[in-house]
Amino acid sequence: MHPIAFYLGSLSVRWYGVMMALGFFAGLWTATRRARRVNISGDAIADVTLWLMLGSIVGARFVYVTTYWKQEFADQPRSEIFMVQHGGLVFYGGLIGASLAGIAYLTWKKLPLWKIADVLAPSIALGSVFGRIGCLMNGCCYGYQCDLPWAIHFPSDHETHGAAVHPTQIYDSLLNFILYLSLAWWFRHKKFDGHIFAAYLMGYAIFRSIAEHFRGDYPADHIHSGLTSAQVVSIGIFAIGAALWFWLSRSPVKK
């Protein structure tokens, strides 16, 4: 069975931006609806979401540039650092940047941090569903070679040189959709504020590590004892989620 052909070009790059925008608006819409269940205004969610978006872009770009400085930026004009439209964002950098921006804003406005974090957590997973499809459109985050019926291939001038590869972007997207559905259901049954956010951190760390197993775009110096950089970070993210779960579970949910 022939692998699915996937062609890149200017149209694909534009679709990458479209998918990112769809992820943002889908996340905002679902978070706003979820906020009503815990008496949080939609305006508060919209306001903090803008801060989260800014923090995520800065964090994601910062981590990408520092990680791939020698390979992609050392010999380029410094203005290339800011050319996000050319691709180059690291999700975990975005998560850290968004978390810091959100904590700063919610603390400043004296809004309930962990209650709002629970509102937003499922929507982060939903946004990643669209984001990974955007990665597929952009040709990044691709998998290693395989001969499975659902393999895909990019054009010959792509880094994969037209070989059939795992559609890791689709794997990641499907896993995030499962995570979104699980967290959205769990939100209605949470036991303490921060419950859903902690579960998101642990769940995403596990699912990301699974998808990473099929990635083929990492240079050799980004593999550490058989683990990709993202898998190494996932260990820390899982630990943070588990620590938050233990710490926050000592306080009952506030109505």
C-alpha atoms as a PDB file:
ATOM      1  CA  MET A   1       0.000   0.000   0.000  1.00  0.00           C
ATOM      2  CA  HIS A   2       1.435   3.362  -1.004  1.00  0.00           C
ATOM      3  CA  PRO A   3       2.012   5.990   1.676  1.00  0.00           C
ATOM      4  CA  ILE A   4      -0.139   9.109   1.621  1.00  0.00           C
ATOM      5  CA  ALA A   5       1.524  11.957  -0.229  1.00  0.00           C
ATOM      6  CA  PHE A   6       1.613  15.257   1.611  1.00  0.00           C
ATOM      7  CA  TYR A   7       2.711  18.320  -0.310  1.00  0.00           C
ATOM      8  CA  LEU A   8       4.184  21.473   1.147  1.00  0.00           C
ATOM      9  CA  GLY A   9       4.152  24.970  -0.240  1.00  0.00           C
ATOM     10  CA  SER A  10       2.936  28.481   0.415  1.00  0.00           C
ATOM     11  CA  LEU A  11      -0.627  27.208   0.845  1.00  0.00           C
ATOM     12  CA  SER A  12       0.519  24.777   3.546  1.00  0.00           C
ATOM     13  CA  VAL A  13       2.347  27.529   5.413  1.00  0.00           C
ATOM     14  CA  ARG A  14      -0.810  29.663   5.389  1.00  0.00           C
ATOM     15  CA  TRP A  15      -2.825  26.709   6.648  1.00  0.00           C
ATOM     16  CA  TYR A  16      -0.341  26.389   9.511  1.00  0.00           C
ATOM     17  CA  GLY A  17      -1.342  29.861  10.669  1.00  0.00           C
ATOM     18  CA  VAL A  18      -5.013  29.071  10.165  1.00  0.00           C
ATOM     19  CA  MET A  19      -4.783  25.948  12.330  1.00  0.00           C
ATOM     20  CA  MET A  20      -3.007  27.862  15.081  1.00  0.00           C
ATOM     21  CA  ALA A  21      -5.771  30.485  15.025  1.00  0.00           C
ATOM     22  CA  LEU A  22      -8.464  27.800  15.088  1.00  0.00           C
ATOM     23  CA  GLY A  23      -6.780  26.190  18.085  1.00  0.00           C
ATOM     24  CA  PHE A  24      -6.764  29.508  19.932  1.00  0.00           C
ATOM     25  CA  PHE A  25     -10.422  30.290  19.262  1.00  0.00           C
ATOM     26  CA  ALA A  26     -11.603  26.725  19.966  1.00  0.00           C
ATOM     27  CA  GLY A  27      -9.733  26.787  23.267  1.00  0.00           C
ATOM     28  CA  LEU A  28     -11.129  30.183  24.212  1.00  0.00           C
ATOM     29  CA  TRP A  29     -14.701  29.220  23.315  1.00  0.00           C
ATOM     30  CA  THR A  30     -14.687  25.965  25.267  1.00  0.00           C
ATOM     31  CA  ALA A  31     -12.945  27.570  28.257  1.00  0.00           C
ATOM     32  CA  THR A  32     -15.519  30.365  28.371  1.00  0.00           C
ATOM     33  CA  ARG A  33     -18.373  27.857  28.413  1.00  0.00           C
ATOM     34  CA  ARG A  34     -16.632  25.813  31.100  1.00  0.00           C
ATOM     35  CA  ALA A  35     -16.032  28.891  33.251  1.00  0.00           C
ATOM     36  CA  ARG A  36     -19.780  29.426  33.676  1.00  0.00           C
ATOM     37  CA  ARG A  37     -19.988  26.206  35.677  1.00  0.00           C
ATOM     38  CA  VAL A  38     -17.761  27.683  38.385  1.00  0.00           C
ATOM     39  CA  ASN A  39     -19.109  31.256  38.294  1.00  0.00           C
ATOM     40  CA  ILE A  40     -16.147  32.800  36.486  1.00  0.00           C
ATOM     41  CA  SER A  41     -16.913  35.455  33.893  1.00  0.00           C
ATOM     42  CA  GLY A  42     -16.112  34.957  30.258  1.00  0.00           C
ATOM     43  CA  ASP A  43     -14.354  38.328  30.249  1.00  0.00           C
ATOM     44  CA  ALA A  44     -11.884  37.094  32.866  1.00  0.00           C
ATOM     45  CA  ILE A  45     -11.088  34.057  30.721  1.00  0.00           C
ATOM     46  CA  ALA A  46     -10.698  36.180  27.586  1.00  0.00           C
ATOM     47  CA  ASP A  47      -8.378  38.615  29.364  1.00  0.00           C
ATOM     48  CA  VAL A  48      -6.100  35.968  30.826  1.00  0.00           C
ATOM     49  CA  THR A  49      -6.073  34.087  27.518  1.00  0.00           C
ATOM     50  CA  LEU A  50      -4.465  37.062  25.786  1.00  0.00           C
ATOM     51  CA  TRP A  51      -1.687  37.015  28.368  1.00  0.00           C
ATOM     52  CA  LEU A  52      -1.322  33.274  27.975  1.00  0.00           C
ATOM     53  CA  MET A  53      -1.027  33.605  24.205  1.00  0.00           C
ATOM     54  CA  LEU A  54       1.680  36.268  24.498  1.00  0.00           C
ATOM     55  CA  GLY A  55       3.581  34.278  27.121  1.00  0.00           C
ATOM     56  CA  SER A  56       3.353  31.086  25.096  1.00  0.00           C
ATOM     57  CA  ILE A  57       4.731  32.687  21.917  1.00  0.00           C
ATOM     58  CA  VAL A  58       7.627  34.320  23.761  1.00  0.00           C
ATOM     59  CA  GLY A  59       8.427  31.156  25.723  1.00  0.00           C
ATOM     60  CA  ALA A  60       8.097  28.817  22.748  1.00  0.00           C
ATOM     61  CA  ARG A  61      10.299  30.980  20.546  1.00  0.00           C
ATOM     62  CA  PHE A  62      12.887  31.586  23.260  1.00  0.00           C
ATOM     63  CA  VAL A  63      13.372  27.875  23.912  1.00  0.00           C
ATOM     64  CA  TYR A  64      13.541  27.080  20.191  1.00  0.00           C
ATOM     65  CA  VAL A  65      16.127  29.771  19.468  1.00  0.00           C
ATOM     66  CA  THR A  66      18.335  28.810  22.400  1.00  0.00           C
ATOM     67  CA  THR A  67      18.040  25.111  21.567  1.00  0.00           C
ATOM     68  CA  TYR A  68      18.829  25.420  17.861  1.00  0.00           C
ATOM     69  CA  TRP A  69      21.067  28.484  17.982  1.00  0.00           C
ATOM     70  CA  LYS A  70      24.115  26.848  16.356  1.00  0.00           C
ATOM     71  CA  GLN A  71      22.142  24.993  13.715  1.00  0.00           C
ATOM     72  CA  GLU A  72      19.781  27.749  12.568  1.00  0.00           C
ATOM     73  CA  PHE A  73      20.575  31.194  13.988  1.00  0.00           C
ATOM     74  CA  ALA A  74      24.294  31.684  14.616  1.00  0.00           C
ATOM     75  CA  ASP A  75      25.039  32.540  10.975  1.00  0.00           C
ATOM     76  CA  GLN A  76      21.755  34.340  10.254  1.00  0.00           C
ATOM     77  CA  PRO A  77      20.734  38.000  10.722  1.00  0.00           C
ATOM     78  CA  ARG A  78      19.574  38.639  14.276  1.00  0.00           C
ATOM     79  CA  SER A  79      16.175  39.653  12.915  1.00  0.00           C
ATOM     80  CA  GLU A  80      15.578  35.972  12.105  1.00  0.00           C
ATOM     81  CA  ILE A  81      15.087  35.377  15.837  1.00  0.00           C
ATOM     82  CA  PHE A  82      11.758  37.170  15.632  1.00  0.00           C
ATOM     83  CA  MET A  83      10.513  35.562  12.415  1.00  0.00           C
ATOM     84  CA  VAL A  84       8.019  33.230  14.049  1.00  0.00           C
ATOM     85  CA  GLN A  85       6.156  32.917  10.757  1.00  0.00           C
ATOM     86  CA  HIS A  86       9.103  30.875   9.449  1.00  0.00           C
ATOM     87  CA  GLY A  87       8.356  28.210  12.050  1.00  0.00           C
ATOM     88  CA  GLY A  88      10.264  27.251  15.155  1.00  0.00           C
ATOM     89  CA  LEU A  89       8.241  27.007  18.356  1.00  0.00           C
ATOM     90  CA  VAL A  90       8.753  24.562  21.231  1.00  0.00           C
ATOM     91  CA  PHE A  91       5.561  23.544  23.009  1.00  0.00           C
ATOM     92  CA  TYR A  92       7.103  23.082  26.441  1.00  0.00           C
ATOM     93  CA  GLY A  93       8.675  26.522  26.182  1.00  0.00           C
ATOM     94  CA  GLY A  94       5.237  27.870  25.338  1.00  0.00           C
ATOM     95  CA  LEU A  95       3.670  26.038  28.273  1.00  0.00           C
ATOM     96  CA  ILE A  96       6.220  27.461  30.696  1.00  0.00           C
ATOM     97  CA  GLY A  97       5.897  30.960  29.234  1.00  0.00           C
ATOM     98  CA  ALA A  98       2.107  30.830  29.336  1.00  0.00           C
ATOM     99  CA  SER A  99       2.121  29.522  32.908  1.00  0.00           C
ATOM    100  CA  LEU A 100       4.374  32.334  34.117  1.00  0.00           C
ATOM    101  CA  ALA A 101       2.306  34.965  32.298  1.00  0.00           C
ATOM    102  CA  GLY A 102      -0.934  33.494  33.644  1.00  0.00           C
ATOM    103  CA  ILE A 103       0.315  33.342  37.224  1.00  0.00           C
ATOM    104  CA  ALA A 104       1.511  36.948  37.015  1.00  0.00           C
ATOM    105  CA  TYR A 105      -1.779  38.206  35.586  1.00  0.00           C
ATOM    106  CA  LEU A 106      -4.075  36.249  37.894  1.00  0.00           C
ATOM    107  CA  THR A 107      -2.049  37.248  40.945  1.00  0.00           C
ATOM    108  CA  TRP A 108      -2.133  40.884  39.848  1.00  0.00           C
ATOM    109  CA  LYS A 109      -5.913  40.794  39.351  1.00  0.00           C
ATOM    110  CA  LYS A 110      -6.415  38.693  42.508  1.00  0.00           C
ATOM    111  CA  LEU A 111      -8.348  36.046  40.605  1.00  0.00           C
ATOM    112  CA  PRO A 112      -8.565  32.367  41.715  1.00  0.00           C
ATOM    113  CA  LEU A 113      -5.433  30.853  40.187  1.00  0.00           C
ATOM    114  CA  TRP A 114      -6.113  27.138  40.423  1.00  0.00           C
ATOM    115  CA  LYS A 115      -9.819  27.372  39.664  1.00  0.00           C
ATOM    116  CA  ILE A 116      -9.068  29.205  36.422  1.00  0.00           C
ATOM    117  CA  ALA A 117      -6.192  26.830  35.664  1.00  0.00           C
ATOM    118  CA  ASP A 118      -8.722  23.988  35.798  1.00  0.00           C
ATOM    119  CA  VAL A 119     -11.002  25.870  33.426  1.00  0.00           C
ATOM    120  CA  LEU A 120      -8.188  26.362  30.930  1.00  0.00           C
ATOM    121  CA  ALA A 121      -6.463  22.970  31.120  1.00  0.00           C
ATOM    122  CA  PRO A 122      -8.780  20.983  28.804  1.00  0.00           C
ATOM    123  CA  SER A 123      -8.715  23.832  26.303  1.00  0.00           C
ATOM    124  CA  ILE A 124      -4.911  23.753  26.189  1.00  0.00           C
ATOM    125  CA  ALA A 125      -5.143  20.131  25.094  1.00  0.00           C
ATOM    126  CA  LEU A 126      -7.787  21.057  22.498  1.00  0.00           C
ATOM    127  CA  GLY A 127      -5.593  23.841  21.135  1.00  0.00           C
ATOM    128  CA  SER A 128      -2.775  21.326  20.727  1.00  0.00           C
ATOM    129  CA  VAL A 129      -5.042  19.184  18.533  1.00  0.00           C
ATOM    130  CA  PHE A 130      -5.166  21.982  15.977  1.00  0.00           C
ATOM    131  CA  GLY A 131      -1.562  23.005  16.586  1.00  0.00           C
ATOM    132  CA  ARG A 132      -0.201  19.590  15.653  1.00  0.00           C
ATOM    133  CA  ILE A 133      -2.236  19.526  12.456  1.00  0.00           C
ATOM    134  CA  GLY A 134      -0.588  22.873  11.758  1.00  0.00           C
ATOM    135  CA  CYS A 135       2.780  21.175  12.266  1.00  0.00           C
ATOM    136  CA  LEU A 136       1.762  18.584   9.681  1.00  0.00           C
ATOM    137  CA  MET A 137       0.908  21.379   7.246  1.00  0.00           C
ATOM    138  CA  ASN A 138       4.239  23.041   7.952  1.00  0.00           C
ATOM    139  CA  GLY A 139       6.256  19.830   7.570  1.00  0.00           C
ATOM    140  CA  CYS A 140       7.885  20.041  11.008  1.00  0.00           C
ATOM    141  CA  CYS A 141       7.908  17.537  13.886  1.00  0.00           C
ATOM    142  CA  TYR A 142       7.955  14.657  11.401  1.00  0.00           C
ATOM    143  CA  GLY A 143       8.476  10.979  12.180  1.00  0.00           C
ATOM    144  CA  TYR A 144      11.105   8.433  11.265  1.00  0.00           C
ATOM    145  CA  GLN A 145      10.805   6.071   8.315  1.00  0.00           C
ATOM    146  CA  CYS A 146       8.189   3.342   8.369  1.00  0.00           C
ATOM    147  CA  ASP A 147       6.299   1.088   5.945  1.00  0.00           C
ATOM    148  CA  LEU A 148       2.902   1.069   7.666  1.00  0.00           C
ATOM    149  CA  PRO A 149      -0.265   1.608   5.573  1.00  0.00           C
ATOM    150  CA  TRP A 150      -0.884   5.020   7.167  1.00  0.00           C
ATOM    151  CA  ALA A 151       2.637   6.328   6.526  1.00  0.00           C
ATOM    152  CA  ILE A 152       2.943   9.703   4.813  1.00  0.00           C
ATOM    153  CA  HIS A 153       5.656  11.279   2.714  1.00  0.00           C
ATOM    154  CA  PHE A 154       6.684  14.840   2.035  1.00  0.00           C
ATOM    155  CA  PRO A 155       8.249  16.187  -1.185  1.00  0.00           C
ATOM    156  CA  SER A 156      11.772  15.185  -2.151  1.00  0.00           C
ATOM    157  CA  ASP A 157      13.169  18.574  -1.088  1.00  0.00           C
ATOM    158  CA  HIS A 158      11.882  18.063   2.461  1.00  0.00           C
ATOM    159  CA  GLU A 159      14.292  16.889   5.180  1.00  0.00           C
ATOM    160  CA  THR A 160      12.833  13.379   4.828  1.00  0.00           C
ATOM    161  CA  HIS A 161      13.762  13.335   1.082  1.00  0.00           C
ATOM    162  CA  GLY A 162      10.383  11.887   0.172  1.00  0.00           C
ATOM    163  CA  ALA A 163      10.692   8.784   2.358  1.00  0.00           C
ATOM    164  CA  ALA A 164       7.598   7.252   3.962  1.00  0.00           C
ATOM    165  CA  VAL A 165       7.491   8.345   7.613  1.00  0.00           C
ATOM    166  CA  HIS A 166       5.304   8.053  10.685  1.00  0.00           C
ATOM    167  CA  PRO A 167       2.627  10.791  10.832  1.00  0.00           C
ATOM    168  CA  THR A 168       3.728  11.776  14.321  1.00  0.00           C
ATOM    169  CA  GLN A 169       1.809  15.040  14.114  1.00  0.00           C
ATOM    170  CA  ILE A 170      -1.426  13.067  13.695  1.00  0.00           C
ATOM    171  CA  TYR A 171      -0.478  10.722  16.539  1.00  0.00           C
ATOM    172  CA  ASP A 172       0.102  13.711  18.789  1.00  0.00           C
ATOM    173  CA  SER A 173      -3.130  15.378  17.668  1.00  0.00           C
ATOM    174  CA  LEU A 174      -5.216  12.280  18.404  1.00  0.00           C
ATOM    175  CA  LEU A 175      -3.604  11.804  21.812  1.00  0.00           C
ATOM    176  CA  ASN A 176      -4.335  15.432  22.680  1.00  0.00           C
ATOM    177  CA  PHE A 177      -7.955  14.978  21.613  1.00  0.00           C
ATOM    178  CA  ILE A 178      -8.257  12.001  23.956  1.00  0.00           C
ATOM    179  CA  LEU A 179      -6.705  14.103  26.707  1.00  0.00           C
ATOM    180  CA  TYR A 180      -9.134  16.955  26.007  1.00  0.00           C
ATOM    181  CA  LEU A 181     -12.193  14.690  26.213  1.00  0.00           C
ATOM    182  CA  SER A 182     -10.934  13.089  29.411  1.00  0.00           C
ATOM    183  CA  LEU A 183     -10.190  16.382  31.145  1.00  0.00           C
ATOM    184  CA  ALA A 184     -13.449  18.003  29.986  1.00  0.00           C
ATOM    185  CA  TRP A 185     -15.391  15.109  31.526  1.00  0.00           C
ATOM    186  CA  TRP A 186     -13.250  15.072  34.645  1.00  0.00           C
ATOM    187  CA  PHE A 187     -13.783  18.799  35.175  1.00  0.00           C
ATOM    188  CA  ARG A 188     -17.361  18.113  36.223  1.00  0.00           C
ATOM    189  CA  HIS A 189     -16.171  15.672  38.886  1.00  0.00           C
ATOM    190  CA  LYS A 190     -13.041  17.360  40.211  1.00  0.00           C
ATOM    191  CA  LYS A 191     -12.273  17.069  43.927  1.00  0.00           C
ATOM    192  CA  PHE A 192     -10.108  20.151  44.478  1.00  0.00           C
ATOM    193  CA  ASP A 193      -9.006  23.308  42.694  1.00  0.00           C
ATOM    194  CA  GLY A 194      -5.989  22.530  40.542  1.00  0.00           C
ATOM    195  CA  HIS A 195      -7.131  18.916  40.074  1.00  0.00           C
ATOM    196  CA  ILE A 196      -7.626  19.216  36.299  1.00  0.00           C
ATOM    197  CA  PHE A 197      -4.496  21.272  35.675  1.00  0.00           C
ATOM    198  CA  ALA A 198      -2.354  18.773  37.589  1.00  0.00           C
ATOM    199  CA  ALA A 199      -3.971  15.931  35.644  1.00  0.00           C
ATOM    200  CA  TYR A 200      -3.261  17.776  32.405  1.00  0.00           C
ATOM    201  CA  LEU A 201       0.437  18.100  33.214  1.00  0.00           C
ATOM    202  CA  MET A 202       0.749  14.404  33.999  1.00  0.00           C
ATOM    203  CA  GLY A 203      -1.433  13.258  31.107  1.00  0.00           C
ATOM    204  CA  TYR A 204       0.274  15.456  28.541  1.00  0.00           C
ATOM    205  CA  ALA A 205       3.722  14.363  29.725  1.00  0.00           C
ATOM    206  CA  ILE A 206       2.761  10.722  29.177  1.00  0.00           C
ATOM    207  CA  PHE A 207       1.084  11.243  25.804  1.00  0.00           C
ATOM    208  CA  ARG A 208       3.868  13.493  24.547  1.00  0.00           C
ATOM    209  CA  SER A 209       6.453  10.879  25.470  1.00  0.00           C
ATOM    210  CA  ILE A 210       4.503   8.285  23.474  1.00  0.00           C
ATOM    211  CA  ALA A 211       4.345  10.491  20.382  1.00  0.00           C
ATOM    212  CA  GLU A 212       8.024  11.408  20.772  1.00  0.00           C
ATOM    213  CA  HIS A 213       8.962   7.753  20.392  1.00  0.00           C
ATOM    214  CA  PHE A 214       8.118   8.049  16.681  1.00  0.00           C
ATOM    215  CA  ARG A 215       9.833  11.393  15.998  1.00  0.00           C
ATOM    216  CA  GLY A 216      12.609  11.451  13.436  1.00  0.00           C
ATOM    217  CA  ASP A 217      13.546  15.129  13.275  1.00  0.00           C
ATOM    218  CA  TYR A 218      15.936  15.388  16.217  1.00  0.00           C
ATOM    219  CA  PRO A 219      19.681  15.838  15.651  1.00  0.00           C
ATOM    220  CA  ALA A 220      21.934  13.357  17.442  1.00  0.00           C
ATOM    221  CA  ASP A 221      22.941  15.827  20.157  1.00  0.00           C
ATOM    222  CA  HIS A 222      19.284  16.148  21.210  1.00  0.00           C
ATOM    223  CA  ILE A 223      19.052  12.484  22.177  1.00  0.00           C
ATOM    224  CA  HIS A 224      20.002  11.768  25.785  1.00  0.00           C
ATOM    225  CA  SER A 225      20.382   8.126  26.866  1.00  0.00           C
ATOM    226  CA  GLY A 226      17.826   7.131  24.241  1.00  0.00           C
ATOM    227  CA  LEU A 227      15.369   9.888  25.193  1.00  0.00           C
ATOM    228  CA  THR A 228      14.522  12.975  23.173  1.00  0.00           C
ATOM    229  CA  SER A 229      14.815  16.392  24.781  1.00  0.00           C
ATOM    230  CA  ALA A 230      11.025  16.570  25.077  1.00  0.00           C
ATOM    231  CA  GLN A 231      10.883  13.183  26.814  1.00  0.00           C
ATOM    232  CA  VAL A 232      13.459  14.373  29.328  1.00  0.00           C
ATOM    233  CA  VAL A 233      11.409  17.515  29.980  1.00  0.00           C
ATOM    234  CA  SER A 234       8.270  15.368  30.207  1.00  0.00           C
ATOM    235  CA  ILE A 235       9.732  13.617  33.238  1.00  0.00           C
ATOM    236  CA  GLY A 236      10.009  16.960  35.009  1.00  0.00           C
ATOM    237  CA  ILE A 237       6.524  18.081  33.883  1.00  0.00           C
ATOM    238  CA  PHE A 238       5.013  14.838  35.159  1.00  0.00           C
ATOM    239  CA  ALA A 239       6.787  15.302  38.498  1.00  0.00           C
ATOM    240  CA  ILE A 240       5.462  18.862  38.793  1.00  0.00           C
ATOM    241  CA  GLY A 241       1.939  17.662  38.029  1.00  0.00           C
ATOM    242  CA  ALA A 242       2.197  14.906  40.636  1.00  0.00           C
ATOM    243  CA  ALA A 243       3.551  17.345  43.231  1.00  0.00           C
ATOM    244  CA  LEU A 244       0.714  19.796  42.535  1.00  0.00           C
ATOM    245  CA  TRP A 245      -1.825  16.986  42.819  1.00  0.00           C
ATOM    246  CA  PHE A 246      -0.455  15.961  46.207  1.00  0.00           C
ATOM    247  CA  TRP A 247      -0.173  19.544  47.496  1.00  0.00           C
ATOM    248  CA  LEU A 248      -3.494  20.891  46.242  1.00  0.00           C
ATOM    249  CA  SER A 249      -5.532  17.804  47.137  1.00  0.00           C
ATOM    250  CA  ARG A 250      -5.229  18.754  50.781  1.00  0.00           C
ATOM    251  CA  SER A 251      -7.698  21.605  50.174  1.00  0.00           C
ATOM    252  CA  PRO A 252     -11.287  20.813  49.132  1.00  0.00           C
ATOM    253  CA  VAL A 253     -12.746  22.394  46.024  1.00  0.00           C
ATOM    254  CA  LYS A 254     -14.151  25.887  46.576  1.00  0.00           C
ATOM    255  CA  LYS A 255     -17.634  26.493  45.192  1.00  0.00           C
END
